N, C-alpha and C. Protein backbone atom coordinates (compact mmCIF):
# COMPACT_ATOMS: atom_id res chain seq x y z
N MET A 1 59.66 86.05 31.29
CA MET A 1 59.38 84.83 32.03
C MET A 1 59.18 83.66 31.09
N TYR A 2 58.58 83.92 29.92
CA TYR A 2 58.36 82.82 28.97
C TYR A 2 59.68 82.22 28.54
N HIS A 3 60.64 83.05 28.26
CA HIS A 3 61.94 82.56 27.79
C HIS A 3 62.65 81.74 28.87
N PHE A 4 62.55 82.15 30.12
CA PHE A 4 63.27 81.46 31.19
C PHE A 4 62.47 80.33 31.82
N SER A 5 61.22 80.12 31.37
CA SER A 5 60.43 79.04 31.96
C SER A 5 60.81 77.68 31.43
N ILE A 6 61.55 77.63 30.34
CA ILE A 6 62.01 76.36 29.80
C ILE A 6 63.06 75.79 30.75
N HIS A 7 63.00 74.49 31.00
CA HIS A 7 63.88 73.83 31.97
C HIS A 7 65.35 74.09 31.62
N GLN A 8 66.05 74.72 32.55
CA GLN A 8 67.47 74.97 32.38
C GLN A 8 68.12 75.07 33.75
N ASP A 9 69.43 75.14 33.75
CA ASP A 9 70.17 75.12 35.02
C ASP A 9 70.42 76.49 35.61
N HIS A 10 70.11 77.56 34.91
CA HIS A 10 70.47 78.90 35.35
C HIS A 10 69.32 79.52 36.16
N VAL A 11 69.36 79.32 37.46
CA VAL A 11 68.33 79.87 38.33
C VAL A 11 68.49 81.38 38.43
N GLY A 12 69.71 81.87 38.29
CA GLY A 12 69.96 83.31 38.37
C GLY A 12 69.20 84.09 37.31
N LEU A 13 69.03 83.53 36.11
CA LEU A 13 68.28 84.21 35.07
C LEU A 13 66.80 84.31 35.43
N MET A 14 66.27 83.29 36.06
CA MET A 14 64.89 83.33 36.52
C MET A 14 64.72 84.38 37.61
N ILE A 15 65.66 84.46 38.52
CA ILE A 15 65.61 85.45 39.59
C ILE A 15 65.72 86.85 39.00
N MET A 16 66.59 87.03 38.00
CA MET A 16 66.73 88.33 37.35
C MET A 16 65.41 88.77 36.72
N SER A 17 64.73 87.85 36.04
CA SER A 17 63.47 88.22 35.41
C SER A 17 62.40 88.54 36.46
N GLN A 18 62.42 87.85 37.58
CA GLN A 18 61.48 88.17 38.67
C GLN A 18 61.75 89.56 39.24
N ILE A 19 63.02 89.94 39.34
CA ILE A 19 63.35 91.28 39.83
C ILE A 19 62.87 92.33 38.84
N PHE A 20 63.04 92.11 37.55
CA PHE A 20 62.55 93.05 36.54
C PHE A 20 61.04 93.18 36.60
N ILE A 21 60.34 92.07 36.79
CA ILE A 21 58.88 92.11 36.90
C ILE A 21 58.47 92.89 38.14
N SER A 22 59.20 92.73 39.24
CA SER A 22 58.89 93.45 40.47
C SER A 22 59.08 94.95 40.30
N PHE A 23 60.16 95.35 39.62
CA PHE A 23 60.36 96.78 39.37
C PHE A 23 59.23 97.34 38.50
N GLY A 24 58.86 96.61 37.48
CA GLY A 24 57.77 97.05 36.61
C GLY A 24 56.45 97.14 37.34
N GLY A 25 56.15 96.14 38.17
CA GLY A 25 54.91 96.16 38.94
C GLY A 25 54.88 97.27 39.96
N GLY A 26 56.01 97.55 40.60
CA GLY A 26 56.07 98.62 41.58
C GLY A 26 55.83 99.98 40.97
N THR A 27 56.40 100.24 39.81
CA THR A 27 56.17 101.53 39.15
C THR A 27 54.76 101.61 38.60
N LEU A 28 54.19 100.49 38.19
CA LEU A 28 52.82 100.50 37.68
C LEU A 28 51.83 100.86 38.78
N ILE A 29 52.04 100.35 39.98
CA ILE A 29 51.13 100.65 41.09
C ILE A 29 51.14 102.15 41.38
N LEU A 30 52.31 102.74 41.45
CA LEU A 30 52.37 104.18 41.68
C LEU A 30 51.78 104.95 40.51
N GLY A 31 52.01 104.47 39.30
CA GLY A 31 51.53 105.17 38.12
C GLY A 31 50.03 105.24 38.03
N TYR A 32 49.32 104.14 38.26
CA TYR A 32 47.88 104.22 38.12
C TYR A 32 47.24 104.95 39.29
N GLU A 33 47.83 104.89 40.48
CA GLU A 33 47.29 105.69 41.58
C GLU A 33 47.44 107.18 41.30
N MET A 34 48.60 107.58 40.81
CA MET A 34 48.82 109.01 40.49
C MET A 34 47.93 109.46 39.33
N ALA A 35 47.72 108.59 38.35
CA ALA A 35 46.86 108.95 37.22
C ALA A 35 45.42 109.18 37.68
N VAL A 36 44.95 108.34 38.58
CA VAL A 36 43.59 108.50 39.10
C VAL A 36 43.48 109.77 39.92
N MET A 37 44.50 110.07 40.72
CA MET A 37 44.45 111.29 41.54
C MET A 37 44.55 112.54 40.67
N ALA A 38 45.29 112.48 39.57
CA ALA A 38 45.39 113.64 38.69
C ALA A 38 44.10 113.86 37.91
N ALA A 39 43.34 112.80 37.66
CA ALA A 39 42.13 112.91 36.85
C ALA A 39 40.93 113.37 37.65
N SER A 40 40.98 113.32 38.97
CA SER A 40 39.80 113.67 39.75
C SER A 40 40.08 114.89 40.61
N ASP A 41 38.97 115.49 41.09
CA ASP A 41 39.14 116.59 42.02
C ASP A 41 39.39 116.02 43.42
N LEU A 42 39.61 116.91 44.36
CA LEU A 42 40.00 116.48 45.70
C LEU A 42 38.92 115.64 46.38
N ASP A 43 37.67 115.95 46.15
CA ASP A 43 36.59 115.20 46.79
C ASP A 43 36.40 113.81 46.18
N GLY A 44 36.80 113.62 44.94
CA GLY A 44 36.56 112.36 44.27
C GLY A 44 37.68 111.35 44.38
N ILE A 45 38.80 111.74 44.98
CA ILE A 45 39.97 110.84 45.05
C ILE A 45 39.67 109.55 45.81
N PRO A 46 39.02 109.58 46.98
CA PRO A 46 38.76 108.30 47.66
C PRO A 46 37.89 107.35 46.84
N MET A 47 36.86 107.88 46.18
CA MET A 47 35.99 107.03 45.38
C MET A 47 36.74 106.48 44.18
N MET A 48 37.53 107.29 43.53
CA MET A 48 38.29 106.84 42.36
C MET A 48 39.31 105.77 42.77
N LEU A 49 40.00 105.97 43.88
CA LEU A 49 40.96 104.96 44.33
C LEU A 49 40.27 103.66 44.71
N SER A 50 39.09 103.75 45.32
CA SER A 50 38.38 102.52 45.69
C SER A 50 37.92 101.77 44.44
N ILE A 51 37.53 102.48 43.40
CA ILE A 51 37.15 101.81 42.14
C ILE A 51 38.37 101.16 41.50
N VAL A 52 39.50 101.83 41.53
CA VAL A 52 40.72 101.24 40.98
C VAL A 52 41.10 99.98 41.74
N TYR A 53 41.03 100.03 43.07
CA TYR A 53 41.37 98.86 43.87
C TYR A 53 40.36 97.73 43.67
N LEU A 54 39.10 98.09 43.44
CA LEU A 54 38.09 97.07 43.15
C LEU A 54 38.45 96.32 41.86
N PHE A 55 38.78 97.06 40.81
CA PHE A 55 39.14 96.42 39.55
C PHE A 55 40.46 95.66 39.65
N ALA A 56 41.38 96.16 40.46
CA ALA A 56 42.63 95.42 40.67
C ALA A 56 42.36 94.11 41.39
N SER A 57 41.46 94.11 42.36
CA SER A 57 41.12 92.88 43.07
C SER A 57 40.42 91.88 42.16
N VAL A 58 39.52 92.38 41.31
CA VAL A 58 38.85 91.49 40.35
C VAL A 58 39.87 90.91 39.38
N GLY A 59 40.80 91.73 38.93
CA GLY A 59 41.85 91.24 38.03
C GLY A 59 42.73 90.19 38.69
N MET A 60 43.09 90.41 39.96
CA MET A 60 43.89 89.41 40.67
C MET A 60 43.11 88.11 40.85
N ALA A 61 41.82 88.21 41.11
CA ALA A 61 41.00 87.00 41.27
C ALA A 61 40.91 86.24 39.95
N LEU A 62 40.71 86.96 38.84
CA LEU A 62 40.66 86.30 37.53
C LEU A 62 42.01 85.68 37.18
N GLY A 63 43.09 86.39 37.47
CA GLY A 63 44.42 85.85 37.21
C GLY A 63 44.71 84.61 38.04
N GLY A 64 44.31 84.62 39.30
CA GLY A 64 44.48 83.45 40.15
C GLY A 64 43.66 82.27 39.67
N ALA A 65 42.44 82.55 39.18
CA ALA A 65 41.59 81.47 38.67
C ALA A 65 42.18 80.86 37.41
N VAL A 66 42.68 81.70 36.52
CA VAL A 66 43.29 81.20 35.28
C VAL A 66 44.56 80.41 35.61
N SER A 67 45.37 80.93 36.51
CA SER A 67 46.60 80.23 36.89
C SER A 67 46.31 78.87 37.52
N THR A 68 45.31 78.82 38.38
CA THR A 68 44.94 77.54 39.00
C THR A 68 44.40 76.56 37.98
N ALA A 69 43.60 77.07 37.03
CA ALA A 69 43.07 76.19 35.99
C ALA A 69 44.19 75.64 35.12
N VAL A 70 45.15 76.48 34.77
CA VAL A 70 46.27 76.01 33.96
C VAL A 70 47.09 74.99 34.74
N TYR A 71 47.32 75.24 36.01
CA TYR A 71 48.08 74.29 36.84
C TYR A 71 47.38 72.94 36.92
N ASN A 72 46.08 72.96 37.20
CA ASN A 72 45.34 71.71 37.35
C ASN A 72 45.24 70.92 36.05
N ASN A 73 45.30 71.61 34.92
CA ASN A 73 45.14 70.92 33.64
C ASN A 73 46.45 70.58 32.95
N THR A 74 47.58 71.10 33.43
CA THR A 74 48.84 70.83 32.72
C THR A 74 49.89 70.14 33.57
N PHE A 75 49.94 70.43 34.86
CA PHE A 75 51.05 69.95 35.67
C PHE A 75 51.10 68.43 35.74
N LEU A 76 49.97 67.81 36.06
CA LEU A 76 49.95 66.35 36.22
C LEU A 76 50.27 65.64 34.90
N THR A 77 49.72 66.13 33.81
CA THR A 77 49.99 65.52 32.51
C THR A 77 51.46 65.63 32.14
N SER A 78 52.02 66.81 32.35
CA SER A 78 53.44 67.00 32.06
C SER A 78 54.31 66.15 32.97
N LEU A 79 53.92 66.03 34.23
CA LEU A 79 54.68 65.22 35.18
C LEU A 79 54.66 63.74 34.78
N ILE A 80 53.49 63.24 34.39
CA ILE A 80 53.38 61.84 33.97
C ILE A 80 54.22 61.59 32.72
N ASN A 81 54.23 62.54 31.80
CA ASN A 81 54.98 62.37 30.55
C ASN A 81 56.49 62.36 30.76
N HIS A 82 56.98 62.97 31.83
CA HIS A 82 58.43 63.10 32.01
C HIS A 82 58.99 62.29 33.18
N LEU A 83 58.13 61.65 33.95
CA LEU A 83 58.63 60.81 35.04
C LEU A 83 59.22 59.51 34.47
N PRO A 84 60.24 58.98 35.14
CA PRO A 84 60.71 57.65 34.77
C PRO A 84 59.57 56.63 34.95
N ALA A 85 59.60 55.55 34.18
CA ALA A 85 58.49 54.59 34.14
C ALA A 85 58.17 54.01 35.51
N GLU A 86 59.17 53.79 36.35
CA GLU A 86 58.91 53.17 37.65
C GLU A 86 58.26 54.13 38.65
N PHE A 87 58.25 55.42 38.36
CA PHE A 87 57.67 56.41 39.28
C PHE A 87 56.34 56.97 38.80
N VAL A 88 55.84 56.52 37.65
CA VAL A 88 54.60 57.08 37.11
C VAL A 88 53.43 56.87 38.06
N THR A 89 53.43 55.77 38.79
CA THR A 89 52.33 55.52 39.74
C THR A 89 52.33 56.51 40.90
N GLN A 90 53.44 57.20 41.15
CA GLN A 90 53.52 58.19 42.23
C GLN A 90 53.18 59.60 41.76
N ALA A 91 52.81 59.76 40.50
CA ALA A 91 52.56 61.10 39.95
C ALA A 91 51.43 61.81 40.68
N ALA A 92 50.34 61.10 40.98
CA ALA A 92 49.22 61.73 41.68
C ALA A 92 49.62 62.15 43.09
N ASP A 93 50.45 61.34 43.76
CA ASP A 93 50.91 61.71 45.10
C ASP A 93 51.80 62.95 45.05
N LEU A 94 52.64 63.04 44.03
CA LEU A 94 53.50 64.22 43.88
C LEU A 94 52.67 65.45 43.55
N PHE A 95 51.63 65.28 42.75
CA PHE A 95 50.77 66.39 42.38
C PHE A 95 49.97 66.89 43.57
N LEU A 96 49.35 65.97 44.30
CA LEU A 96 48.50 66.36 45.43
C LEU A 96 49.30 66.73 46.67
N GLY A 97 50.53 66.23 46.78
CA GLY A 97 51.36 66.52 47.94
C GLY A 97 51.96 67.91 47.94
N GLY A 98 51.89 68.59 46.80
CA GLY A 98 52.42 69.94 46.71
C GLY A 98 53.94 69.96 46.72
N TYR A 99 54.47 71.14 46.96
CA TYR A 99 55.92 71.29 46.88
C TYR A 99 56.65 70.55 48.00
N THR A 100 55.98 70.28 49.12
CA THR A 100 56.66 69.55 50.19
C THR A 100 56.97 68.11 49.77
N ALA A 101 56.05 67.49 49.05
CA ALA A 101 56.32 66.13 48.55
C ALA A 101 57.32 66.17 47.40
N GLN A 102 57.31 67.24 46.64
CA GLN A 102 58.20 67.34 45.48
C GLN A 102 59.63 67.67 45.87
N MET A 103 59.81 68.37 46.98
CA MET A 103 61.15 68.77 47.41
C MET A 103 61.90 67.65 48.12
N MET A 104 61.25 66.51 48.36
CA MET A 104 61.94 65.40 49.01
C MET A 104 63.00 64.77 48.11
N TYR A 105 62.87 64.97 46.82
CA TYR A 105 63.84 64.40 45.89
C TYR A 105 64.98 65.38 45.70
N PRO A 106 66.21 64.91 45.76
CA PRO A 106 67.36 65.83 45.65
C PRO A 106 67.52 66.35 44.22
N PRO A 107 68.18 67.50 44.07
CA PRO A 107 68.44 68.02 42.73
C PRO A 107 69.22 67.00 41.90
N SER A 108 68.97 67.01 40.63
CA SER A 108 69.57 66.13 39.61
C SER A 108 69.06 64.69 39.71
N ASP A 109 68.08 64.43 40.56
CA ASP A 109 67.40 63.13 40.57
C ASP A 109 66.43 63.12 39.37
N PRO A 110 66.23 61.99 38.71
CA PRO A 110 65.33 61.97 37.55
C PRO A 110 63.90 62.38 37.89
N VAL A 111 63.44 62.05 39.09
CA VAL A 111 62.09 62.47 39.50
C VAL A 111 62.04 63.98 39.69
N ARG A 112 63.08 64.52 40.32
CA ARG A 112 63.14 65.98 40.53
C ARG A 112 63.24 66.71 39.20
N ASP A 113 63.98 66.15 38.24
CA ASP A 113 64.06 66.76 36.91
C ASP A 113 62.70 66.77 36.23
N ALA A 114 61.93 65.70 36.39
CA ALA A 114 60.57 65.65 35.82
C ALA A 114 59.66 66.68 36.49
N ILE A 115 59.81 66.83 37.80
CA ILE A 115 59.03 67.83 38.53
C ILE A 115 59.39 69.24 38.06
N ASN A 116 60.69 69.49 37.92
CA ASN A 116 61.12 70.81 37.45
C ASN A 116 60.62 71.09 36.04
N PHE A 117 60.63 70.08 35.19
CA PHE A 117 60.14 70.27 33.84
C PHE A 117 58.64 70.56 33.85
N ALA A 118 57.89 69.86 34.71
CA ALA A 118 56.45 70.11 34.80
C ALA A 118 56.16 71.53 35.30
N TRP A 119 56.95 72.00 36.29
CA TRP A 119 56.78 73.39 36.75
C TRP A 119 57.13 74.38 35.65
N GLY A 120 58.18 74.10 34.89
CA GLY A 120 58.54 74.98 33.77
C GLY A 120 57.47 75.00 32.71
N ASP A 121 56.86 73.86 32.43
CA ASP A 121 55.78 73.80 31.45
C ASP A 121 54.58 74.60 31.93
N TYR A 122 54.25 74.46 33.21
CA TYR A 122 53.15 75.25 33.79
C TYR A 122 53.45 76.74 33.71
N GLN A 123 54.67 77.13 34.04
CA GLN A 123 55.03 78.54 34.02
C GLN A 123 55.00 79.09 32.60
N LYS A 124 55.42 78.29 31.64
CA LYS A 124 55.39 78.72 30.24
C LYS A 124 53.96 78.99 29.80
N LYS A 125 53.04 78.11 30.15
CA LYS A 125 51.65 78.28 29.74
C LYS A 125 50.97 79.43 30.46
N THR A 126 51.29 79.66 31.73
CA THR A 126 50.72 80.82 32.41
C THR A 126 51.30 82.12 31.87
N SER A 127 52.56 82.11 31.46
CA SER A 127 53.14 83.30 30.85
C SER A 127 52.45 83.62 29.53
N ILE A 128 52.14 82.60 28.75
CA ILE A 128 51.42 82.81 27.49
C ILE A 128 50.03 83.39 27.76
N SER A 129 49.33 82.86 28.76
CA SER A 129 47.99 83.39 29.06
C SER A 129 48.07 84.83 29.57
N ALA A 130 49.10 85.16 30.32
CA ALA A 130 49.26 86.55 30.80
C ALA A 130 49.55 87.50 29.64
N ILE A 131 50.38 87.05 28.71
CA ILE A 131 50.69 87.89 27.56
C ILE A 131 49.44 88.10 26.71
N CYS A 132 48.65 87.05 26.54
CA CYS A 132 47.41 87.17 25.76
C CYS A 132 46.41 88.10 26.43
N SER A 133 46.39 88.13 27.76
CA SER A 133 45.44 89.01 28.44
C SER A 133 45.83 90.48 28.29
N LEU A 134 47.06 90.77 27.92
CA LEU A 134 47.47 92.16 27.71
C LEU A 134 46.82 92.78 26.48
N ILE A 135 46.26 91.96 25.61
CA ILE A 135 45.55 92.48 24.45
C ILE A 135 44.38 93.35 24.90
N ILE A 136 43.78 93.01 26.03
CA ILE A 136 42.67 93.81 26.57
C ILE A 136 43.17 95.18 27.04
N ALA A 137 44.41 95.27 27.49
CA ALA A 137 44.93 96.52 28.04
C ALA A 137 45.29 97.53 26.95
N ILE A 138 45.58 97.09 25.75
CA ILE A 138 46.04 98.01 24.70
C ILE A 138 45.00 99.09 24.39
N PRO A 139 43.70 98.77 24.21
CA PRO A 139 42.74 99.87 23.98
C PRO A 139 42.67 100.84 25.17
N GLY A 140 42.79 100.32 26.39
CA GLY A 140 42.78 101.20 27.56
C GLY A 140 43.95 102.16 27.57
N ILE A 141 45.10 101.69 27.16
CA ILE A 141 46.28 102.55 27.11
C ILE A 141 46.13 103.60 26.01
N ILE A 142 45.53 103.22 24.90
CA ILE A 142 45.36 104.16 23.78
C ILE A 142 44.45 105.32 24.16
N ILE A 143 43.43 105.07 24.98
CA ILE A 143 42.49 106.15 25.30
C ILE A 143 42.89 106.96 26.52
N TRP A 144 44.03 106.66 27.11
CA TRP A 144 44.47 107.47 28.25
C TRP A 144 44.63 108.92 27.82
N LYS A 145 44.30 109.81 28.73
CA LYS A 145 44.45 111.23 28.48
C LYS A 145 45.74 111.70 29.13
N ASN A 146 46.44 112.60 28.47
CA ASN A 146 47.68 113.15 29.01
C ASN A 146 47.31 114.33 29.90
N TYR A 147 47.31 114.11 31.20
CA TYR A 147 46.93 115.16 32.14
C TYR A 147 48.12 116.04 32.48
N ASN A 148 47.82 117.34 32.66
CA ASN A 148 48.83 118.29 33.10
C ASN A 148 48.86 118.26 34.62
N VAL A 149 49.91 117.72 35.18
CA VAL A 149 49.99 117.62 36.63
C VAL A 149 50.65 118.85 37.25
N ASN A 150 50.99 119.82 36.47
CA ASN A 150 51.61 121.04 36.99
C ASN A 150 50.59 122.13 37.29
N ARG A 151 49.30 121.82 37.27
CA ARG A 151 48.29 122.84 37.52
C ARG A 151 48.36 123.29 38.98
N ASN A 152 47.95 124.50 39.22
CA ASN A 152 47.98 125.07 40.57
C ASN A 152 46.88 124.45 41.43
N GLN A 153 47.20 124.25 42.66
CA GLN A 153 46.20 123.71 43.58
C GLN A 153 45.51 124.84 44.30
N ASN A 154 44.35 124.51 44.87
CA ASN A 154 43.62 125.50 45.65
C ASN A 154 44.37 125.80 46.92
N LYS A 155 44.40 127.09 47.27
CA LYS A 155 45.02 127.46 48.53
C LYS A 155 43.96 127.53 49.60
N GLY A 156 44.33 127.17 50.77
CA GLY A 156 43.39 127.20 51.87
C GLY A 156 43.45 125.90 52.66
N THR A 157 42.46 125.73 53.49
CA THR A 157 42.41 124.58 54.36
C THR A 157 41.32 123.63 53.88
N THR A 158 41.65 122.36 53.81
CA THR A 158 40.66 121.36 53.43
C THR A 158 40.16 120.67 54.68
N LEU A 159 38.86 120.58 54.80
CA LEU A 159 38.27 119.93 55.98
C LEU A 159 37.97 118.49 55.70
């Protein structure tokens, strides 16, 4: 995403990277759920899954907070720096109006190009912050235990 966040005309490359991220995220969701289920006994699976979902929700909240902070601190500045001089006074309206105000300008318009550049700058900075947050995950990955998932299960009926 960092490479494709720079303003360019190839939207297909951005879509391709989003598809790759979706495939990675989908396999990650199944992977951590299966790892938690393999690490616990049958009675502990609901509690372990709820703890995993709790930490996932906290992580999503922190990620959303960081993304919002980066947006609020970079988008307007980048937009002002790249808008044509006669439109600089409308920068706050474009910022506060959201994408509906920004989409009123047709593609290849100088204002729309400035908006696209500001979005690319925001995406570049959020990609950098996401990559930096992965440093926290490396020790967690190192201490993972390799569980044998081929062990025999208990026979009988579970109530």
